[in-house]
Amino acid sequence: MKKDNIRQLQISRYNYILPDEKIAKYPLPQRDASRLLLYDGGEISATRFGELPELLPRESLLLFNNTRVIHARLLFHKETGAQIEIFCLSPCDPADYLISFQQREACTWHCMIGNARRWKEEALQMEIPVKEGLVRLTARKTARHNDEVVVHFSWDDDRFTFSELLEIAGELPIPPYLNRPSEVKDDETYQTVYSRIEGSVAAPTAGFHFTPAVMESLRQRGIRTAEVTLHVGAGTFRPVKSETIAGHEMHTEFISVPKETIAALLAHNGRLIVVGTTSLRTVESLYYIGRKLHHNPSAAPHELTVRQWEPYEEAEEITPQQALQHILAYLEKTGEERLTAATQIIIVPGYHFHYPDAILTNFHQPQSTLLLLISAFVGDDWRKVYDYALDNNFRFLSYGDSSLLWIKSK
């Protein structure tokens, strides 16, 4: 499908009726007791997630996103009593997530502001209770970019990192469609059991269903695992408001892929199952990064960003294996142990997949870019899958059930 035709895809074609009672407001007490829809070759069936290890071919490789959700919502109060919400999206200065989290005096972040009209130019302050007393956190606006504001944070006690202050003072940003405030138990349930790298403001929810017992069963069956990091941004909740996909701008996401994961993907000859749309966007972005390095082996890090429509532009094609080889060569040359880049990739019907054979994923909102991704993966059968899930009382969205979808064509 040509790029112009893809850009004119009508969003209304990817709509369905999602009753509120189908949206899971809370997870099940036992993660792997959730239901699992199976789609393969047009056939649909259902089982429990705990059965997953028995359903995957031996020698498969599972790709996980190990990102961890941060307490990104900070609630400040003006002297008038007005509440201002500062939603931390991504670091600005320092721009590196790890370095920013480790700051002990100040840092600057791209943020969204709630009740923005009530926050003029004055500094906001909050006192954060710690064992040793109080830490004063100050927030100042420094710039604006579209619907985001650059906020400079500073605090008066260098014994604490920004990460530690967020953990104490911030709130976990659970999805707005849950229509409830975050609760203490969300701190555990709104994280995967393998989450390690701080940075997301939304969880890679396909991983919610894994338990240590399921992970051990996978290992015993000879199914290997590998990890990537994609820090999920708030844009994942942003609905497509335009009539065609051309009018929707994808948010940029940070990705980090260890050298050993690149090597594992390159050496792997079995089936690749990606856990969630975030892992899929990461591994598919690797192809276009490798293609950039094919043309420019000395590309600077900022030149490796995958732009939204790049996959649909005419360009010299290389094999998926060549793309990975170029990335490994780049890492060897630079002495880096992981590839760090950004991606704005959008995957819609007409996209050509390079790596995954199957995806584990939850059920997504109507008219969302995530639903378009699923349609790209299984074709028009996405509607058959969703009709089955709705008719058979599957639970939808972040805390809902999941599906194992084998790709329709590759």
Protein backbone atom coordinates (compact mmCIF):
# COMPACT_ATOMS: atom_id res chain seq x y z
CA MET A 1 0.00 0.00 0.00
CA LYS A 2 1.43 3.40 -0.97
CA LYS A 3 2.20 6.01 1.66
CA ASP A 4 -0.47 8.43 0.41
CA ASN A 5 -3.11 5.71 0.62
CA ILE A 6 -1.99 4.75 4.12
CA ARG A 7 -2.16 8.35 5.33
CA GLN A 8 -5.78 8.54 4.13
CA LEU A 9 -6.96 5.56 6.21
CA GLN A 10 -10.31 6.45 7.78
CA ILE A 11 -10.16 6.16 11.59
CA SER A 12 -13.89 5.42 11.70
CA ARG A 13 -13.16 2.00 10.16
CA TYR A 14 -11.46 1.02 13.42
CA ASN A 15 -14.32 1.64 15.78
CA TYR A 16 -16.36 -0.72 17.92
CA ILE A 17 -18.77 -0.34 20.83
CA LEU A 18 -17.01 -0.85 24.17
CA PRO A 19 -19.53 -0.88 27.06
CA ASP A 20 -18.15 0.52 30.31
CA GLU A 21 -18.87 -2.74 32.12
CA LYS A 22 -16.37 -4.50 29.83
CA ILE A 23 -13.52 -2.28 31.06
CA ALA A 24 -11.63 -3.91 33.93
CA LYS A 25 -11.28 -1.33 36.70
CA TYR A 26 -9.09 -3.63 38.81
CA PRO A 27 -6.89 -6.64 38.02
CA LEU A 28 -7.67 -10.18 39.04
CA PRO A 29 -6.16 -11.29 42.39
CA GLN A 30 -3.98 -13.84 40.54
CA ARG A 31 -2.24 -12.41 37.47
CA ASP A 32 -2.00 -15.62 35.44
CA ALA A 33 -5.65 -16.53 36.11
CA SER A 34 -6.64 -14.01 33.43
CA ARG A 35 -8.14 -15.28 30.22
CA LEU A 36 -6.13 -15.63 27.02
CA LEU A 37 -7.68 -15.40 23.56
CA LEU A 38 -5.85 -17.41 20.90
CA TYR A 39 -5.85 -16.34 17.25
CA ASP A 40 -4.03 -18.42 14.65
CA GLY A 41 -4.78 -18.69 10.96
CA GLY A 42 -8.22 -17.18 11.35
CA GLU A 43 -9.22 -19.61 14.12
CA ILE A 44 -10.12 -18.28 17.57
CA SER A 45 -10.26 -20.08 20.91
CA ALA A 46 -9.73 -19.27 24.57
CA THR A 47 -7.80 -20.56 27.58
CA ARG A 48 -6.16 -19.24 30.75
CA PHE A 49 -2.94 -17.26 30.66
CA GLY A 50 -1.21 -19.74 32.93
CA GLU A 51 -1.31 -22.21 30.02
CA LEU A 52 0.87 -19.96 27.83
CA PRO A 53 4.14 -21.95 28.15
CA GLU A 54 2.44 -25.03 26.71
CA LEU A 55 1.10 -23.04 23.74
CA LEU A 56 4.39 -21.67 22.48
CA PRO A 57 6.70 -23.65 20.21
CA ARG A 58 9.90 -24.77 21.88
CA GLU A 59 12.91 -22.61 21.04
CA SER A 60 10.69 -19.55 20.82
CA LEU A 61 12.04 -16.20 21.99
CA LEU A 62 9.87 -13.90 24.11
CA LEU A 63 10.70 -10.20 24.01
CA PHE A 64 9.76 -8.17 27.11
CA ASN A 65 9.70 -4.43 27.81
CA ASN A 66 11.33 -4.00 31.23
CA THR A 67 10.30 -0.37 31.78
CA ARG A 68 8.95 0.64 35.19
CA VAL A 69 6.21 3.20 35.78
CA ILE A 70 7.23 6.21 37.85
CA HIS A 71 5.14 8.29 40.26
CA ALA A 72 4.81 10.94 37.58
CA ARG A 73 1.88 13.00 38.96
CA LEU A 74 2.90 15.78 41.35
CA LEU A 75 0.09 17.74 43.00
CA PHE A 76 1.08 21.26 44.07
CA HIS A 77 -1.21 23.71 45.87
CA LYS A 78 -1.08 27.47 45.50
CA GLU A 79 -1.56 29.74 48.50
CA THR A 80 -5.10 30.32 47.22
CA GLY A 81 -5.78 26.61 47.59
CA ALA A 82 -5.90 25.95 43.85
CA GLN A 83 -4.43 22.57 42.93
CA ILE A 84 -1.95 22.40 40.04
CA GLU A 85 -1.05 18.98 38.66
CA ILE A 86 2.39 18.59 37.09
CA PHE A 87 2.63 15.40 35.07
CA CYS A 88 6.27 14.54 34.36
CA LEU A 89 6.60 13.15 30.84
CA SER A 90 10.29 12.97 29.93
CA PRO A 91 13.57 14.51 31.09
CA CYS A 92 14.85 17.66 29.40
CA ASP A 93 18.05 18.60 31.25
CA PRO A 94 19.72 16.24 31.81
CA ALA A 95 17.94 14.48 28.92
CA ASP A 96 19.07 11.01 29.98
CA TYR A 97 16.47 9.28 32.20
CA LEU A 98 18.95 7.62 34.55
CA ILE A 99 21.08 10.72 34.99
CA SER A 100 18.01 12.90 35.57
CA PHE A 101 16.62 10.54 38.20
CA GLN A 102 19.98 10.61 40.00
CA GLN A 103 20.14 14.41 40.29
CA ARG A 104 20.41 15.71 43.85
CA GLU A 105 19.76 19.44 43.45
CA ALA A 106 17.78 20.21 40.29
CA CYS A 107 16.56 18.89 36.93
CA THR A 108 14.23 19.95 34.13
CA TRP A 109 11.39 17.91 32.61
CA HIS A 110 8.84 18.12 29.83
CA CYS A 111 5.47 18.11 31.59
CA MET A 112 1.74 18.36 31.10
CA ILE A 113 -0.06 20.72 33.43
CA GLY A 114 -3.47 20.21 34.95
CA ASN A 115 -5.43 23.38 35.82
CA ALA A 116 -2.80 25.29 33.82
CA ARG A 117 -4.83 28.52 33.65
CA ARG A 118 -4.44 28.95 37.41
CA TRP A 119 -0.64 28.72 37.24
CA LYS A 120 0.79 32.04 36.06
CA GLU A 121 4.53 32.72 36.40
CA GLU A 122 5.02 32.18 40.12
CA ALA A 123 7.04 29.30 41.54
CA LEU A 124 5.12 26.42 43.11
CA GLN A 125 6.32 24.68 46.22
CA MET A 126 5.51 21.59 48.24
CA GLU A 127 6.98 20.21 51.43
CA ILE A 128 7.75 16.51 51.23
CA PRO A 129 7.83 14.62 54.53
CA VAL A 130 10.89 12.38 54.97
CA LYS A 131 12.26 10.60 58.03
CA GLU A 132 14.64 13.45 58.74
CA GLY A 133 12.00 16.19 58.43
CA LEU A 134 10.84 18.03 55.30
CA VAL A 135 12.27 18.57 51.82
CA ARG A 136 11.05 21.65 49.94
CA LEU A 137 10.46 20.94 46.23
CA THR A 138 10.10 23.96 43.93
CA ALA A 139 8.71 23.99 40.39
CA ARG A 140 9.18 26.83 37.87
CA LYS A 141 7.96 27.09 34.29
CA THR A 142 10.77 27.84 31.84
CA ALA A 143 9.29 27.25 28.36
CA ARG A 144 6.31 25.91 26.44
CA HIS A 145 6.23 23.55 23.47
CA ASN A 146 2.73 22.97 22.04
CA ASP A 147 0.73 21.29 24.80
CA GLU A 148 3.81 20.59 26.94
CA VAL A 149 5.55 22.85 29.46
CA VAL A 150 9.21 22.67 30.45
CA VAL A 151 9.41 22.69 34.26
CA HIS A 152 12.56 23.23 36.31
CA PHE A 153 12.53 21.35 39.61
CA SER A 154 14.87 22.17 42.50
CA TRP A 155 14.98 21.02 46.12
CA ASP A 156 16.81 22.01 49.27
CA ASP A 157 18.27 18.69 50.46
CA ASP A 158 20.95 16.98 48.37
CA ARG A 159 20.63 13.75 50.32
CA PHE A 160 17.69 12.87 48.07
CA THR A 161 17.61 12.14 44.36
CA PHE A 162 14.79 13.27 42.11
CA SER A 163 13.75 9.63 41.76
CA GLU A 164 13.41 9.30 45.53
CA LEU A 165 11.35 12.49 45.78
CA LEU A 166 9.01 11.33 43.01
CA GLU A 167 8.55 8.01 44.77
CA ILE A 168 7.57 9.76 48.03
CA ALA A 169 5.58 12.75 46.75
CA GLY A 170 4.24 11.64 43.37
CA GLU A 171 1.24 9.55 42.44
CA LEU A 172 1.16 6.60 40.06
CA PRO A 173 -0.55 7.75 36.83
CA ILE A 174 -3.08 4.99 36.19
CA PRO A 175 -5.03 5.32 32.92
CA PRO A 176 -7.77 7.98 32.81
CA TYR A 177 -10.33 5.51 31.44
CA LEU A 178 -10.33 3.66 34.77
CA ASN A 179 -12.27 6.65 36.15
CA ARG A 180 -10.89 6.27 39.64
CA PRO A 181 -7.99 7.64 41.69
CA SER A 182 -4.87 5.54 42.09
CA GLU A 183 -4.77 3.31 45.15
CA VAL A 184 -1.92 1.87 47.19
CA LYS A 185 -2.28 -1.56 45.63
CA ASP A 186 -1.84 -0.05 42.15
CA ASP A 187 1.82 0.48 43.09
CA GLU A 188 2.21 -3.28 42.76
CA THR A 189 -0.47 -4.30 40.27
CA TYR A 190 0.26 -1.50 37.76
CA GLN A 191 3.80 -2.84 37.27
CA THR A 192 5.00 -5.99 35.55
CA VAL A 193 6.85 -8.50 37.71
CA TYR A 194 9.96 -7.92 35.58
CA SER A 195 9.89 -4.10 35.55
CA ARG A 196 13.34 -2.67 36.33
CA ILE A 197 14.15 0.51 34.41
CA GLU A 198 12.34 3.64 35.64
CA GLY A 199 10.83 6.03 33.12
CA SER A 200 7.30 5.19 31.94
CA VAL A 201 4.17 7.12 32.72
CA ALA A 202 2.03 4.20 31.53
CA ALA A 203 2.64 0.49 31.94
CA PRO A 204 3.30 -2.06 29.18
CA THR A 205 0.14 -3.84 30.25
CA ALA A 206 0.50 -7.02 28.19
CA GLY A 207 3.10 -8.05 30.74
CA PHE A 208 0.73 -7.81 33.69
CA HIS A 209 -0.27 -11.47 33.28
CA PHE A 210 3.18 -12.95 33.85
CA THR A 211 4.06 -14.42 37.23
CA PRO A 212 7.29 -15.98 38.52
CA ALA A 213 5.63 -19.39 38.05
CA VAL A 214 4.86 -18.69 34.38
CA MET A 215 8.39 -17.40 33.82
CA GLU A 216 9.82 -20.58 35.35
CA SER A 217 7.56 -22.76 33.16
CA LEU A 218 8.81 -20.91 30.09
CA ARG A 219 12.41 -21.56 31.11
CA GLN A 220 11.75 -25.25 31.70
CA ARG A 221 10.26 -25.60 28.20
CA GLY A 222 13.36 -24.09 26.63
CA ILE A 223 11.68 -20.82 25.71
CA ARG A 224 14.19 -18.01 25.89
CA THR A 225 13.58 -14.43 26.90
CA ALA A 226 15.18 -11.09 26.07
CA GLU A 227 14.52 -7.53 27.19
CA VAL A 228 14.21 -4.10 25.65
CA THR A 229 13.26 -0.79 27.23
CA LEU A 230 10.66 1.57 25.83
CA HIS A 231 9.48 4.26 28.21
CA VAL A 232 5.77 4.66 27.50
CA GLY A 233 4.58 8.25 27.25
CA ALA A 234 1.22 9.81 28.02
CA GLY A 235 0.58 9.95 24.29
CA THR A 236 -0.36 6.29 24.44
CA PHE A 237 -3.72 7.43 25.89
CA ARG A 238 -4.24 10.17 23.32
CA PRO A 239 -7.18 9.34 21.04
CA VAL A 240 -7.01 9.84 17.30
CA LYS A 241 -9.21 12.89 16.77
CA SER A 242 -8.60 13.38 13.06
CA GLU A 243 -10.75 11.74 10.37
CA THR A 244 -7.70 10.15 8.77
CA ILE A 245 -4.48 8.89 10.29
CA ALA A 246 -2.58 11.61 8.40
CA GLY A 247 -3.83 14.17 10.91
CA HIS A 248 -2.50 12.32 13.95
CA GLU A 249 0.97 13.07 15.30
CA MET A 250 2.61 10.20 17.16
CA HIS A 251 4.43 10.92 20.40
CA THR A 252 8.18 10.27 20.58
CA GLU A 253 9.31 7.47 22.87
CA PHE A 254 12.71 6.61 24.35
CA ILE A 255 14.08 3.16 23.54
CA SER A 256 17.11 1.31 24.86
CA VAL A 257 18.18 -2.12 23.64
CA PRO A 258 21.12 -4.03 25.18
CA LYS A 259 23.77 -5.44 22.88
CA GLU A 260 22.94 -8.95 24.09
CA THR A 261 19.34 -8.54 22.96
CA ILE A 262 20.46 -7.43 19.50
CA ALA A 263 22.75 -10.48 19.35
CA ALA A 264 19.96 -12.78 20.57
CA LEU A 265 17.58 -11.49 17.88
CA LEU A 266 20.23 -11.96 15.22
CA ALA A 267 21.08 -15.51 16.28
CA HIS A 268 17.49 -16.63 16.84
CA ASN A 269 15.99 -19.02 14.27
CA GLY A 270 12.72 -19.86 16.01
CA ARG A 271 9.52 -17.93 16.55
CA LEU A 272 9.70 -14.42 18.02
CA ILE A 273 6.80 -13.47 20.29
CA VAL A 274 6.72 -9.83 21.38
CA VAL A 275 5.05 -9.03 24.69
CA GLY A 276 2.96 -5.97 24.04
CA THR A 277 2.75 -3.21 21.48
CA THR A 278 5.69 -1.41 23.11
CA SER A 279 8.05 -4.34 22.53
CA LEU A 280 6.76 -4.56 18.98
CA ARG A 281 7.36 -0.86 18.30
CA THR A 282 10.84 -1.20 19.72
CA VAL A 283 11.92 -4.22 17.70
CA GLU A 284 10.44 -2.85 14.49
CA SER A 285 12.21 0.46 15.07
CA LEU A 286 15.48 -1.48 15.08
CA TYR A 287 15.03 -2.22 11.39
CA TYR A 288 14.87 1.45 10.44
CA ILE A 289 17.75 2.35 12.76
CA GLY A 290 19.82 -0.39 11.11
CA ARG A 291 18.84 0.94 7.70
CA LYS A 292 20.05 4.42 8.68
CA LEU A 293 23.37 2.93 9.78
CA HIS A 294 23.59 1.04 6.49
CA HIS A 295 23.73 4.40 4.72
CA ASN A 296 25.65 6.26 7.45
CA PRO A 297 27.68 4.03 9.81
CA SER A 298 28.91 7.08 11.72
CA ALA A 299 25.46 8.58 12.37
CA ALA A 300 25.13 10.69 15.50
CA PRO A 301 22.65 9.43 18.14
CA HIS A 302 20.05 12.09 17.28
CA GLU A 303 20.17 10.97 13.63
CA LEU A 304 18.92 7.52 14.60
CA THR A 305 15.44 8.73 15.60
CA VAL A 306 12.75 6.84 13.70
CA ARG A 307 10.26 9.33 12.29
CA GLN A 308 6.52 8.62 12.14
CA TRP A 309 6.13 8.04 8.41
CA GLU A 310 9.62 6.73 7.70
CA PRO A 311 8.49 3.09 7.28
CA TYR A 312 6.20 4.08 4.42
CA GLU A 313 8.73 6.09 2.41
CA GLU A 314 10.54 4.77 -0.63
CA ALA A 315 14.06 3.70 0.37
CA GLU A 316 16.64 1.03 -0.32
CA GLU A 317 15.63 -2.11 1.54
CA ILE A 318 18.00 -4.31 3.48
CA THR A 319 17.26 -7.60 5.24
CA PRO A 320 16.16 -7.62 8.89
CA GLN A 321 19.36 -9.51 9.72
CA GLN A 322 21.50 -6.88 7.99
CA ALA A 323 19.81 -4.16 10.05
CA LEU A 324 20.75 -5.94 13.28
CA GLN A 325 24.30 -6.52 12.05
CA HIS A 326 24.69 -2.80 11.34
CA ILE A 327 23.52 -1.99 14.88
CA LEU A 328 25.98 -4.45 16.42
CA ALA A 329 28.80 -2.98 14.34
CA TYR A 330 27.78 0.51 15.48
CA LEU A 331 27.84 -0.53 19.13
CA GLU A 332 31.25 -2.16 18.70
CA LYS A 333 32.58 0.98 17.06
CA THR A 334 31.22 3.34 19.72
CA GLY A 335 32.02 1.04 22.65
CA GLU A 336 28.43 1.23 23.90
CA GLU A 337 26.73 -1.73 25.60
CA ARG A 338 23.25 -0.68 24.50
CA LEU A 339 21.57 1.16 21.68
CA THR A 340 19.81 4.29 22.88
CA ALA A 341 17.50 6.13 20.50
CA ALA A 342 14.02 7.56 20.06
CA THR A 343 11.11 6.40 17.93
CA GLN A 344 7.96 7.99 16.64
CA ILE A 345 6.99 4.95 14.59
CA ILE A 346 3.34 4.47 13.70
CA ILE A 347 2.20 1.01 12.65
CA VAL A 348 -1.03 0.93 10.67
CA PRO A 349 -2.60 -1.34 8.03
CA GLY A 350 -0.21 -1.54 5.11
CA TYR A 351 2.87 -1.80 7.33
CA HIS A 352 5.38 -4.58 6.55
CA PHE A 353 6.60 -6.41 9.67
CA HIS A 354 10.22 -7.56 9.85
CA TYR A 355 10.68 -9.52 13.07
CA PRO A 356 7.71 -10.78 15.16
CA ASP A 357 5.71 -13.93 14.50
CA ALA A 358 3.19 -13.31 17.28
CA ILE A 359 2.18 -10.68 19.80
CA LEU A 360 0.82 -10.97 23.31
CA THR A 361 -1.42 -7.98 23.90
CA ASN A 362 -4.45 -6.78 25.82
CA PHE A 363 -7.61 -5.40 24.17
CA HIS A 364 -7.32 -1.77 23.09
CA GLN A 365 -9.57 1.26 22.88
CA PRO A 366 -11.69 1.96 19.79
CA GLN A 367 -10.15 4.26 17.18
CA SER A 368 -6.72 4.14 18.82
CA THR A 369 -3.31 3.81 17.19
CA LEU A 370 -2.88 0.57 19.15
CA LEU A 371 -5.96 -0.92 17.50
CA LEU A 372 -4.61 0.13 14.10
CA LEU A 373 -1.40 -1.72 14.98
CA ILE A 374 -3.39 -4.87 15.74
CA SER A 375 -5.23 -4.50 12.42
CA ALA A 376 -1.86 -4.24 10.66
CA PHE A 377 -0.83 -7.49 12.38
CA VAL A 378 -3.91 -9.68 11.78
CA GLY A 379 -5.68 -7.80 9.00
CA ASP A 380 -9.43 -7.32 9.01
CA ASP A 381 -9.72 -10.26 11.40
CA TRP A 382 -9.15 -7.76 14.21
CA ARG A 383 -12.92 -7.24 14.22
CA LYS A 384 -13.55 -10.98 14.44
CA VAL A 385 -11.15 -11.15 17.39
CA TYR A 386 -12.79 -8.25 19.21
CA ASP A 387 -16.32 -9.50 18.53
CA TYR A 388 -15.34 -12.84 20.04
CA ALA A 389 -13.84 -11.13 23.09
CA LEU A 390 -16.92 -8.98 23.63
CA ASP A 391 -19.36 -11.87 23.11
CA ASN A 392 -17.42 -14.10 25.50
CA ASN A 393 -17.06 -11.61 28.35
CA PHE A 394 -13.36 -10.90 28.11
CA ARG A 395 -12.18 -7.99 30.25
CA PHE A 396 -10.81 -5.02 28.29
CA LEU A 397 -7.97 -2.46 28.49
CA SER A 398 -5.07 -2.17 30.95
CA TYR A 399 -6.28 -4.44 33.75
CA GLY A 400 -8.18 -6.73 31.41
CA ASP A 401 -7.47 -10.08 29.75
CA SER A 402 -5.01 -10.70 26.94
CA SER A 403 -4.62 -12.32 23.55
CA LEU A 404 -1.97 -14.27 21.67
CA LEU A 405 -2.17 -13.25 18.03
CA TRP A 406 -0.13 -14.96 15.33
CA ILE A 407 0.69 -12.72 12.41
CA LYS A 408 -1.52 -13.08 9.34
CA SER A 409 1.25 -12.42 6.84
CA LYS A 410 4.86 -11.32 7.07
